Amino acid sequence: MSTFSGLEGHTTTGSIGVAVIAGVGGDLAFQNFQTDADTSDLRAYLTIRGDLSKRTVDLGALQQTSGSFNVPFPDDTDISLFNVLIVKSGDRCIGKAHIA
């Protein structure tokens, strides 16, 4: 599991792990996730080196904004291409975690 770090002056903590099931897809497991950012519009993105201008996978709005929960990624996602998860609140990047 990798740990979150805050971005743009925000405190974002917790950890993330990846579970892949061949032929089915996978989940990102958020553990003890917490942020001081506005949680009304949190979205998660799989990125290459944290660069949102390159190829990304929009995982959509987080259904839970704190604690431990899973976020599925699309079945056709080659998770090995993406190494940083970015969490945004509105237009601001508020946290990131390396995907191990």
PDB file of N, CA and C in Angstrom:
ATOM      1  N   MET A   1       0.836  -1.181   0.000  1.00  0.00           N
ATOM      2  CA  MET A   1       0.000   0.000   0.000  1.00  0.00           C
ATOM      3  C   MET A   1       0.881   1.245   0.000  1.00  0.00           C
ATOM      4  N   SER A   2       0.383   2.271  -0.631  1.00  0.00           N
ATOM      5  CA  SER A   2       1.079   3.554  -0.688  1.00  0.00           C
ATOM      6  C   SER A   2       0.290   4.584   0.103  1.00  0.00           C
ATOM      7  N   THR A   3       0.974   5.624   0.553  1.00  0.00           N
ATOM      8  CA  THR A   3       0.304   6.642   1.354  1.00  0.00           C
ATOM      9  C   THR A   3      -0.023   7.877   0.521  1.00  0.00           C
ATOM     10  N   PHE A   4      -1.108   8.535   0.913  1.00  0.00           N
ATOM     11  CA  PHE A   4      -1.513   9.788   0.284  1.00  0.00           C
ATOM     12  C   PHE A   4      -0.668  10.930   0.817  1.00  0.00           C
ATOM     13  N   SER A   5      -0.466  11.920  -0.024  1.00  0.00           N
ATOM     14  CA  SER A   5       0.119  13.187   0.407  1.00  0.00           C
ATOM     15  C   SER A   5      -0.769  14.302  -0.124  1.00  0.00           C
ATOM     16  N   GLY A   6      -0.818  15.387   0.614  1.00  0.00           N
ATOM     17  CA  GLY A   6      -1.654  16.515   0.229  1.00  0.00           C
ATOM     18  C   GLY A   6      -1.033  17.329  -0.893  1.00  0.00           C
ATOM     19  N   LEU A   7      -1.879  18.044  -1.613  1.00  0.00           N
ATOM     20  CA  LEU A   7      -1.451  18.929  -2.696  1.00  0.00           C
ATOM     21  C   LEU A   7      -2.131  20.281  -2.536  1.00  0.00           C
ATOM     22  N   GLU A   8      -1.544  21.301  -3.116  1.00  0.00           N
ATOM     23  CA  GLU A   8      -2.103  22.656  -3.141  1.00  0.00           C
ATOM     24  C   GLU A   8      -2.533  23.134  -1.752  1.00  0.00           C
ATOM     25  N   GLY A   9      -1.692  22.845  -0.745  1.00  0.00           N
ATOM     26  CA  GLY A   9      -1.946  23.325   0.604  1.00  0.00           C
ATOM     27  C   GLY A   9      -2.943  22.515   1.406  1.00  0.00           C
ATOM     28  N   HIS A  10      -3.416  21.403   0.881  1.00  0.00           N
ATOM     29  CA  HIS A  10      -4.388  20.578   1.600  1.00  0.00           C
ATOM     30  C   HIS A  10      -3.708  19.418   2.313  1.00  0.00           C
ATOM     31  N   THR A  11      -4.294  19.026   3.426  1.00  0.00           N
ATOM     32  CA  THR A  11      -3.851  17.841   4.140  1.00  0.00           C
ATOM     33  C   THR A  11      -4.731  16.685   3.695  1.00  0.00           C
ATOM     34  N   THR A  12      -4.121  15.689   3.085  1.00  0.00           N
ATOM     35  CA  THR A  12      -4.829  14.492   2.646  1.00  0.00           C
ATOM     36  C   THR A  12      -4.006  13.303   3.112  1.00  0.00           C
ATOM     37  N   THR A  13      -4.647  12.392   3.853  1.00  0.00           N
ATOM     38  CA  THR A  13      -3.932  11.260   4.434  1.00  0.00           C
ATOM     39  C   THR A  13      -4.662   9.959   4.140  1.00  0.00           C
ATOM     40  N   GLY A  14      -3.991   8.888   4.450  1.00  0.00           N
ATOM     41  CA  GLY A  14      -4.537   7.552   4.235  1.00  0.00           C
ATOM     42  C   GLY A  14      -3.608   6.763   3.340  1.00  0.00           C
ATOM     43  N   SER A  15      -4.067   5.605   2.909  1.00  0.00           N
ATOM     44  CA  SER A  15      -3.258   4.780   2.023  1.00  0.00           C
ATOM     45  C   SER A  15      -4.142   4.148   0.965  1.00  0.00           C
ATOM     46  N   ILE A  16      -3.492   3.599  -0.057  1.00  0.00           N
ATOM     47  CA  ILE A  16      -4.222   2.999  -1.165  1.00  0.00           C
ATOM     48  C   ILE A  16      -3.490   1.746  -1.635  1.00  0.00           C
ATOM     49  N   GLY A  17      -4.271   0.745  -2.005  1.00  0.00           N
ATOM     50  CA  GLY A  17      -3.734  -0.486  -2.564  1.00  0.00           C
ATOM     51  C   GLY A  17      -4.550  -0.882  -3.776  1.00  0.00           C
ATOM     52  N   VAL A  18      -4.018  -1.811  -4.566  1.00  0.00           N
ATOM     53  CA  VAL A  18      -4.683  -2.250  -5.794  1.00  0.00           C
ATOM     54  C   VAL A  18      -4.974  -3.738  -5.695  1.00  0.00           C
ATOM     55  N   ALA A  19      -6.191  -4.113  -6.074  1.00  0.00           N
ATOM     56  CA  ALA A  19      -6.571  -5.525  -6.179  1.00  0.00           C
ATOM     57  C   ALA A  19      -7.060  -5.759  -7.596  1.00  0.00           C
ATOM     58  N   VAL A  20      -6.393  -6.675  -8.316  1.00  0.00           N
ATOM     59  CA  VAL A  20      -6.766  -6.985  -9.694  1.00  0.00           C
ATOM     60  C   VAL A  20      -7.209  -8.436  -9.761  1.00  0.00           C
ATOM     61  N   ILE A  21      -8.364  -8.662 -10.388  1.00  0.00           N
ATOM     62  CA  ILE A  21      -8.880 -10.012 -10.591  1.00  0.00           C
ATOM     63  C   ILE A  21      -8.943 -10.232 -12.092  1.00  0.00           C
ATOM     64  N   ALA A  22      -8.129 -11.162 -12.587  1.00  0.00           N
ATOM     65  CA  ALA A  22      -8.025 -11.404 -14.030  1.00  0.00           C
ATOM     66  C   ALA A  22      -9.392 -11.665 -14.648  1.00  0.00           C
ATOM     67  N   GLY A  23      -9.679 -10.950 -15.733  1.00  0.00           N
ATOM     68  CA  GLY A  23     -10.926 -11.123 -16.454  1.00  0.00           C
ATOM     69  C   GLY A  23     -12.125 -10.429 -15.842  1.00  0.00           C
ATOM     70  N   VAL A  24     -11.938  -9.856 -14.672  1.00  0.00           N
ATOM     71  CA  VAL A  24     -13.062  -9.221 -13.974  1.00  0.00           C
ATOM     72  C   VAL A  24     -12.856  -7.722 -13.822  1.00  0.00           C
ATOM     73  N   GLY A  25     -11.627  -7.304 -13.588  1.00  0.00           N
ATOM     74  CA  GLY A  25     -11.343  -5.897 -13.342  1.00  0.00           C
ATOM     75  C   GLY A  25     -10.609  -5.747 -12.036  1.00  0.00           C
ATOM     76  N   GLY A  26     -10.842  -4.659 -11.361  1.00  0.00           N
ATOM     77  CA  GLY A  26     -10.144  -4.453 -10.108  1.00  0.00           C
ATOM     78  C   GLY A  26     -10.698  -3.300  -9.311  1.00  0.00           C
ATOM     79  N   ASP A  27     -10.116  -3.145  -8.131  1.00  0.00           N
ATOM     80  CA  ASP A  27     -10.510  -2.095  -7.199  1.00  0.00           C
ATOM     81  C   ASP A  27      -9.272  -1.402  -6.659  1.00  0.00           C
ATOM     82  N   LEU A  28      -9.435  -0.135  -6.347  1.00  0.00           N
ATOM     83  CA  LEU A  28      -8.464   0.595  -5.545  1.00  0.00           C
ATOM     84  C   LEU A  28      -9.029   0.623  -4.132  1.00  0.00           C
ATOM     85  N   ALA A  29      -8.257   0.148  -3.180  1.00  0.00           N
ATOM     86  CA  ALA A  29      -8.701   0.097  -1.789  1.00  0.00           C
ATOM     87  C   ALA A  29      -8.157   1.308  -1.038  1.00  0.00           C
ATOM     88  N   PHE A  30      -9.042   2.223  -0.693  1.00  0.00           N
ATOM     89  CA  PHE A  30      -8.693   3.380   0.124  1.00  0.00           C
ATOM     90  C   PHE A  30      -8.767   2.935   1.585  1.00  0.00           C
ATOM     91  N   GLN A  31      -7.742   3.240   2.366  1.00  0.00           N
ATOM     92  CA  GLN A  31      -7.726   2.901   3.785  1.00  0.00           C
ATOM     93  C   GLN A  31      -7.498   4.165   4.602  1.00  0.00           C
ATOM     94  N   ASN A  32      -8.373   4.406   5.562  1.00  0.00           N
ATOM     95  CA  ASN A  32      -8.251   5.556   6.472  1.00  0.00           C
ATOM     96  C   ASN A  32      -8.073   6.883   5.734  1.00  0.00           C
ATOM     97  N   PHE A  33      -8.778   7.044   4.623  1.00  0.00           N
ATOM     98  CA  PHE A  33      -8.688   8.261   3.816  1.00  0.00           C
ATOM     99  C   PHE A  33      -9.322   9.433   4.552  1.00  0.00           C
ATOM    100  N   GLN A  34      -8.647  10.581   4.490  1.00  0.00           N
ATOM    101  CA  GLN A  34      -9.176  11.790   5.114  1.00  0.00           C
ATOM    102  C   GLN A  34      -8.539  13.010   4.446  1.00  0.00           C
ATOM    103  N   THR A  35      -9.321  14.077   4.310  1.00  0.00           N
ATOM    104  CA  THR A  35      -8.798  15.317   3.745  1.00  0.00           C
ATOM    105  C   THR A  35      -9.472  16.507   4.410  1.00  0.00           C
ATOM    106  N   ASP A  36      -8.772  17.639   4.403  1.00  0.00           N
ATOM    107  CA  ASP A  36      -9.367  18.868   4.931  1.00  0.00           C
ATOM    108  C   ASP A  36     -10.050  19.677   3.826  1.00  0.00           C
ATOM    109  N   ALA A  37     -10.017  19.179   2.597  1.00  0.00           N
ATOM    110  CA  ALA A  37     -10.632  19.880   1.461  1.00  0.00           C
ATOM    111  C   ALA A  37     -12.150  19.720   1.481  1.00  0.00           C
ATOM    112  N   ASP A  38     -12.823  20.562   0.718  1.00  0.00           N
ATOM    113  CA  ASP A  38     -14.270  20.451   0.536  1.00  0.00           C
ATOM    114  C   ASP A  38     -14.565  19.081  -0.065  1.00  0.00           C
ATOM    115  N   THR A  39     -15.368  18.290   0.624  1.00  0.00           N
ATOM    116  CA  THR A  39     -15.629  16.919   0.174  1.00  0.00           C
ATOM    117  C   THR A  39     -16.908  16.782  -0.638  1.00  0.00           C
ATOM    118  N   SER A  40     -17.536  17.891  -1.002  1.00  0.00           N
ATOM    119  CA  SER A  40     -18.797  17.802  -1.743  1.00  0.00           C
ATOM    120  C   SER A  40     -18.596  17.368  -3.194  1.00  0.00           C
ATOM    121  N   ASP A  41     -17.359  17.462  -3.700  1.00  0.00           N
ATOM    122  CA  ASP A  41     -17.113  17.136  -5.108  1.00  0.00           C
ATOM    123  C   ASP A  41     -15.749  16.476  -5.279  1.00  0.00           C
ATOM    124  N   LEU A  42     -15.505  15.361  -4.589  1.00  0.00           N
ATOM    125  CA  LEU A  42     -14.235  14.664  -4.727  1.00  0.00           C
ATOM    126  C   LEU A  42     -14.303  13.685  -5.889  1.00  0.00           C
ATOM    127  N   ARG A  43     -13.287  13.743  -6.761  1.00  0.00           N
ATOM    128  CA  ARG A  43     -13.182  12.830  -7.906  1.00  0.00           C
ATOM    129  C   ARG A  43     -11.783  12.237  -7.918  1.00  0.00           C
ATOM    130  N   ALA A  44     -11.673  11.016  -8.436  1.00  0.00           N
ATOM    131  CA  ALA A  44     -10.388  10.323  -8.492  1.00  0.00           C
ATOM    132  C   ALA A  44     -10.001  10.041  -9.940  1.00  0.00           C
ATOM    133  N   TYR A  45      -8.699  10.142 -10.212  1.00  0.00           N
ATOM    134  CA  TYR A  45      -8.171   9.933 -11.560  1.00  0.00           C
ATOM    135  C   TYR A  45      -6.912   9.077 -11.500  1.00  0.00           C
ATOM    136  N   LEU A  46      -6.836   8.069 -12.348  1.00  0.00           N
ATOM    137  CA  LEU A  46      -5.587   7.349 -12.561  1.00  0.00           C
ATOM    138  C   LEU A  46      -4.769   8.162 -13.553  1.00  0.00           C
ATOM    139  N   THR A  47      -3.496   8.379 -13.249  1.00  0.00           N
ATOM    140  CA  THR A  47      -2.656   9.209 -14.116  1.00  0.00           C
ATOM    141  C   THR A  47      -1.299   8.553 -14.352  1.00  0.00           C
ATOM    142  N   ILE A  48      -0.606   9.089 -15.326  1.00  0.00           N
ATOM    143  CA  ILE A  48       0.780   8.718 -15.588  1.00  0.00           C
ATOM    144  C   ILE A  48       1.650   9.802 -14.963  1.00  0.00           C
ATOM    145  N   ARG A  49       2.377   9.444 -13.926  1.00  0.00           N
ATOM    146  CA  ARG A  49       3.252  10.367 -13.190  1.00  0.00           C
ATOM    147  C   ARG A  49       2.517  11.600 -12.653  1.00  0.00           C
ATOM    148  N   GLY A  50       1.232  11.476 -12.394  1.00  0.00           N
ATOM    149  CA  GLY A  50       0.475  12.587 -11.822  1.00  0.00           C
ATOM    150  C   GLY A  50       0.121  13.687 -12.789  1.00  0.00           C
ATOM    151  N   ASP A  51       0.338  13.456 -14.080  1.00  0.00           N
ATOM    152  CA  ASP A  51       0.112  14.472 -15.107  1.00  0.00           C
ATOM    153  C   ASP A  51      -1.302  14.333 -15.684  1.00  0.00           C
ATOM    154  N   LEU A  52      -2.184  15.237 -15.303  1.00  0.00           N
ATOM    155  CA  LEU A  52      -3.572  15.189 -15.776  1.00  0.00           C
ATOM    156  C   LEU A  52      -3.724  15.582 -17.240  1.00  0.00           C
ATOM    157  N   SER A  53      -2.662  16.132 -17.847  1.00  0.00           N
ATOM    158  CA  SER A  53      -2.753  16.504 -19.264  1.00  0.00           C
ATOM    159  C   SER A  53      -2.461  15.314 -20.181  1.00  0.00           C
ATOM    160  N   LYS A  54      -1.953  14.237 -19.608  1.00  0.00           N
ATOM    161  CA  LYS A  54      -1.698  13.017 -20.382  1.00  0.00           C
ATOM    162  C   LYS A  54      -2.897  12.090 -20.239  1.00  0.00           C
ATOM    163  N   ARG A  55      -2.751  10.897 -20.735  1.00  0.00           N
ATOM    164  CA  ARG A  55      -3.822   9.899 -20.652  1.00  0.00           C
ATOM    165  C   ARG A  55      -4.223   9.666 -19.192  1.00  0.00           C
ATOM    166  N   THR A  56      -5.506   9.735 -18.914  1.00  0.00           N
ATOM    167  CA  THR A  56      -6.025   9.500 -17.565  1.00  0.00           C
ATOM    168  C   THR A  56      -7.229   8.569 -17.635  1.00  0.00           C
ATOM    169  N   VAL A  57      -7.578   8.014 -16.480  1.00  0.00           N
ATOM    170  CA  VAL A  57      -8.829   7.278 -16.333  1.00  0.00           C
ATOM    171  C   VAL A  57      -9.611   7.986 -15.237  1.00  0.00           C
ATOM    172  N   ASP A  58     -10.758   8.539 -15.592  1.00  0.00           N
ATOM    173  CA  ASP A  58     -11.629   9.222 -14.634  1.00  0.00           C
ATOM    174  C   ASP A  58     -12.422   8.156 -13.895  1.00  0.00           C
ATOM    175  N   LEU A  59     -12.156   7.997 -12.611  1.00  0.00           N
ATOM    176  CA  LEU A  59     -12.854   7.002 -11.798  1.00  0.00           C
ATOM    177  C   LEU A  59     -14.158   7.538 -11.233  1.00  0.00           C
ATOM    178  N   GLY A  60     -14.434   8.796 -11.507  1.00  0.00           N
ATOM    179  CA  GLY A  60     -15.699   9.382 -11.088  1.00  0.00           C
ATOM    180  C   GLY A  60     -15.661   9.939  -9.678  1.00  0.00           C
ATOM    181  N   ALA A  61     -16.835  10.329  -9.230  1.00  0.00           N
ATOM    182  CA  ALA A  61     -16.978  10.902  -7.892  1.00  0.00           C
ATOM    183  C   ALA A  61     -16.783   9.819  -6.839  1.00  0.00           C
ATOM    184  N   LEU A  62     -16.093  10.183  -5.759  1.00  0.00           N
ATOM    185  CA  LEU A  62     -15.939   9.242  -4.656  1.00  0.00           C
ATOM    186  C   LEU A  62     -17.272   9.130  -3.926  1.00  0.00           C
ATOM    187  N   GLN A  63     -17.755   7.918  -3.781  1.00  0.00           N
ATOM    188  CA  GLN A  63     -19.036   7.694  -3.116  1.00  0.00           C
ATOM    189  C   GLN A  63     -18.924   7.870  -1.609  1.00  0.00           C
ATOM    190  N   GLN A  64     -17.709   7.766  -1.106  1.00  0.00           N
ATOM    191  CA  GLN A  64     -17.436   7.969   0.305  1.00  0.00           C
ATOM    192  C   GLN A  64     -16.293   8.974   0.371  1.00  0.00           C
ATOM    193  N   THR A  65     -16.294   9.858   1.334  1.00  0.00           N
ATOM    194  CA  THR A  65     -15.280  10.912   1.355  1.00  0.00           C
ATOM    195  C   THR A  65     -14.296  10.787   2.513  1.00  0.00           C
ATOM    196  N   SER A  66     -14.446   9.757   3.319  1.00  0.00           N
ATOM    197  CA  SER A  66     -13.474   9.490   4.376  1.00  0.00           C
ATOM    198  C   SER A  66     -13.615   8.033   4.797  1.00  0.00           C
ATOM    199  N   GLY A  67     -12.584   7.549   5.481  1.00  0.00           N
ATOM    200  CA  GLY A  67     -12.626   6.174   5.961  1.00  0.00           C
ATOM    201  C   GLY A  67     -12.009   5.195   4.980  1.00  0.00           C
ATOM    202  N   SER A  68     -12.498   3.958   5.042  1.00  0.00           N
ATOM    203  CA  SER A  68     -11.981   2.880   4.201  1.00  0.00           C
ATOM    204  C   SER A  68     -13.066   2.417   3.246  1.00  0.00           C
ATOM    205  N   PHE A  69     -12.727   2.341   1.959  1.00  0.00           N
ATOM    206  CA  PHE A  69     -13.703   1.980   0.933  1.00  0.00           C
ATOM    207  C   PHE A  69     -12.972   1.579  -0.340  1.00  0.00           C
ATOM    208  N   ASN A  70     -13.680   0.951  -1.256  1.00  0.00           N
ATOM    209  CA  ASN A  70     -13.113   0.534  -2.539  1.00  0.00           C
ATOM    210  C   ASN A  70     -13.692   1.361  -3.669  1.00  0.00           C
ATOM    211  N   VAL A  71     -12.856   1.631  -4.671  1.00  0.00           N
ATOM    212  CA  VAL A  71     -13.277   2.322  -5.888  1.00  0.00           C
ATOM    213  C   VAL A  71     -12.907   1.416  -7.062  1.00  0.00           C
ATOM    214  N   PRO A  72     -13.897   0.926  -7.807  1.00  0.00           N
ATOM    215  CA  PRO A  72     -13.580   0.052  -8.943  1.00  0.00           C
ATOM    216  C   PRO A  72     -12.998   0.843 -10.104  1.00  0.00           C
ATOM    217  N   PHE A  73     -12.160   0.170 -10.893  1.00  0.00           N
ATOM    218  CA  PHE A  73     -11.716   0.782 -12.143  1.00  0.00           C
ATOM    219  C   PHE A  73     -12.220  -0.081 -13.293  1.00  0.00           C
ATOM    220  N   PRO A  74     -12.398   0.515 -14.476  1.00  0.00           N
ATOM    221  CA  PRO A  74     -12.990  -0.202 -15.607  1.00  0.00           C
ATOM    222  C   PRO A  74     -12.232  -1.488 -15.944  1.00  0.00           C
ATOM    223  N   ASP A  75     -12.986  -2.503 -16.360  1.00  0.00           N
ATOM    224  CA  ASP A  75     -12.417  -3.815 -16.671  1.00  0.00           C
ATOM    225  C   ASP A  75     -11.308  -3.754 -17.705  1.00  0.00           C
ATOM    226  N   ASP A  76     -11.405  -2.840 -18.654  1.00  0.00           N
ATOM    227  CA  ASP A  76     -10.415  -2.773 -19.732  1.00  0.00           C
ATOM    228  C   ASP A  76      -9.221  -1.874 -19.404  1.00  0.00           C
ATOM    229  N   THR A  77      -9.062  -1.482 -18.149  1.00  0.00           N
ATOM    230  CA  THR A  77      -7.953  -0.623 -17.739  1.00  0.00           C
ATOM    231  C   THR A  77      -6.701  -1.452 -17.489  1.00  0.00           C
ATOM    232  N   ASP A  78      -5.627  -1.115 -18.176  1.00  0.00           N
ATOM    233  CA  ASP A  78      -4.328  -1.733 -17.902  1.00  0.00           C
ATOM    234  C   ASP A  78      -3.689  -0.928 -16.778  1.00  0.00           C
ATOM    235  N   ILE A  79      -3.912  -1.387 -15.555  1.00  0.00           N
ATOM    236  CA  ILE A  79      -3.480  -0.629 -14.377  1.00  0.00           C
ATOM    237  C   ILE A  79      -1.964  -0.421 -14.356  1.00  0.00           C
ATOM    238  N   SER A  80      -1.213  -1.269 -15.052  1.00  0.00           N
ATOM    239  CA  SER A  80       0.247  -1.127 -15.060  1.00  0.00           C
ATOM    240  C   SER A  80       0.710   0.145 -15.778  1.00  0.00           C
ATOM    241  N   LEU A  81      -0.157   0.762 -16.571  1.00  0.00           N
ATOM    242  CA  LEU A  81       0.193   2.000 -17.275  1.00  0.00           C
ATOM    243  C   LEU A  81       0.114   3.233 -16.380  1.00  0.00           C
ATOM    244  N   PHE A  82      -0.596   3.124 -15.277  1.00  0.00           N
ATOM    245  CA  PHE A  82      -0.874   4.280 -14.422  1.00  0.00           C
ATOM    246  C   PHE A  82      -0.169   4.107 -13.081  1.00  0.00           C
ATOM    247  N   ASN A  83       0.538   5.140 -12.640  1.00  0.00           N
ATOM    248  CA  ASN A  83       1.303   4.986 -11.408  1.00  0.00           C
ATOM    249  C   ASN A  83       0.973   5.999 -10.312  1.00  0.00           C
ATOM    250  N   VAL A  84       0.091   6.957 -10.589  1.00  0.00           N
ATOM    251  CA  VAL A  84      -0.283   7.935  -9.557  1.00  0.00           C
ATOM    252  C   VAL A  84      -1.791   8.162  -9.598  1.00  0.00           C
ATOM    253  N   LEU A  85      -2.418   8.062  -8.435  1.00  0.00           N
ATOM    254  CA  LEU A  85      -3.833   8.403  -8.297  1.00  0.00           C
ATOM    255  C   LEU A  85      -3.908   9.845  -7.815  1.00  0.00           C
ATOM    256  N   ILE A  86      -4.704  10.657  -8.493  1.00  0.00           N
ATOM    257  CA  ILE A  86      -4.930  12.051  -8.097  1.00  0.00           C
ATOM    258  C   ILE A  86      -6.374  12.181  -7.622  1.00  0.00           C
ATOM    259  N   VAL A  87      -6.566  12.870  -6.502  1.00  0.00           N
ATOM    260  CA  VAL A  87      -7.908  13.193  -6.018  1.00  0.00           C
ATOM    261  C   VAL A  87      -8.079  14.700  -6.154  1.00  0.00           C
ATOM    262  N   LYS A  88      -9.190  15.090  -6.769  1.00  0.00           N
ATOM    263  CA  LYS A  88      -9.491  16.508  -6.966  1.00  0.00           C
ATOM    264  C   LYS A  88     -10.756  16.882  -6.201  1.00  0.00           C
ATOM    265  N   SER A  89     -10.796  18.125  -5.770  1.00  0.00           N
ATOM    266  CA  SER A  89     -11.990  18.728  -5.195  1.00  0.00           C
ATOM    267  C   SER A  89     -12.305  19.920  -6.086  1.00  0.00           C
ATOM    268  N   GLY A  90     -13.339  19.781  -6.903  1.00  0.00           N
ATOM    269  CA  GLY A  90     -13.604  20.814  -7.899  1.00  0.00           C
ATOM    270  C   GLY A  90     -12.458  20.852  -8.888  1.00  0.00           C
ATOM    271  N   ASP A  91     -11.849  22.026  -9.072  1.00  0.00           N
ATOM    272  CA  ASP A  91     -10.730  22.178 -10.003  1.00  0.00           C
ATOM    273  C   ASP A  91      -9.364  22.007  -9.344  1.00  0.00           C
ATOM    274  N   ARG A  92      -9.336  21.773  -8.039  1.00  0.00           N
ATOM    275  CA  ARG A  92      -8.064  21.712  -7.310  1.00  0.00           C
ATOM    276  C   ARG A  92      -7.640  20.281  -7.026  1.00  0.00           C
ATOM    277  N   CYS A  93      -6.376  19.994  -7.270  1.00  0.00           N
ATOM    278  CA  CYS A  93      -5.797  18.702  -6.898  1.00  0.00           C
ATOM    279  C   CYS A  93      -5.496  18.758  -5.404  1.00  0.00           C
ATOM    280  N   ILE A  94      -6.094  17.861  -4.630  1.00  0.00           N
ATOM    281  CA  ILE A  94      -5.950  17.947  -3.177  1.00  0.00           C
ATOM    282  C   ILE A  94      -5.149  16.793  -2.576  1.00  0.00           C
ATOM    283  N   GLY A  95      -4.872  15.767  -3.379  1.00  0.00           N
ATOM    284  CA  GLY A  95      -4.089  14.655  -2.856  1.00  0.00           C
ATOM    285  C   GLY A  95      -3.619  13.735  -3.955  1.00  0.00           C
ATOM    286  N   LYS A  96      -2.541  13.001  -3.639  1.00  0.00           N
ATOM    287  CA  LYS A  96      -2.036  12.020  -4.594  1.00  0.00           C
ATOM    288  C   LYS A  96      -1.448  10.846  -3.833  1.00  0.00           C
ATOM    289  N   ALA A  97      -1.423   9.706  -4.514  1.00  0.00           N
ATOM    290  CA  ALA A  97      -0.786   8.514  -3.962  1.00  0.00           C
ATOM    291  C   ALA A  97      -0.211   7.719  -5.117  1.00  0.00           C
ATOM    292  N   HIS A  98       0.984   7.190  -4.914  1.00  0.00           N
ATOM    293  CA  HIS A  98       1.593   6.330  -5.925  1.00  0.00           C
ATOM    294  C   HIS A  98       0.923   4.966  -5.862  1.00  0.00           C
ATOM    295  N   ILE A  99       0.670   4.406  -7.011  1.00  0.00           N
ATOM    296  CA  ILE A  99       0.038   3.091  -7.091  1.00  0.00           C
ATOM    297  C   ILE A  99       1.152   2.063  -7.175  1.00  0.00           C
ATOM    298  N   ALA A 100       1.172   1.177  -6.202  1.00  0.00           N
ATOM    299  CA  ALA A 100       2.241   0.165  -6.157  1.00  0.00           C
ATOM    300  C   ALA A 100       1.755  -1.164  -6.691  1.00  0.00           C
TER     301      ALA A 100
END
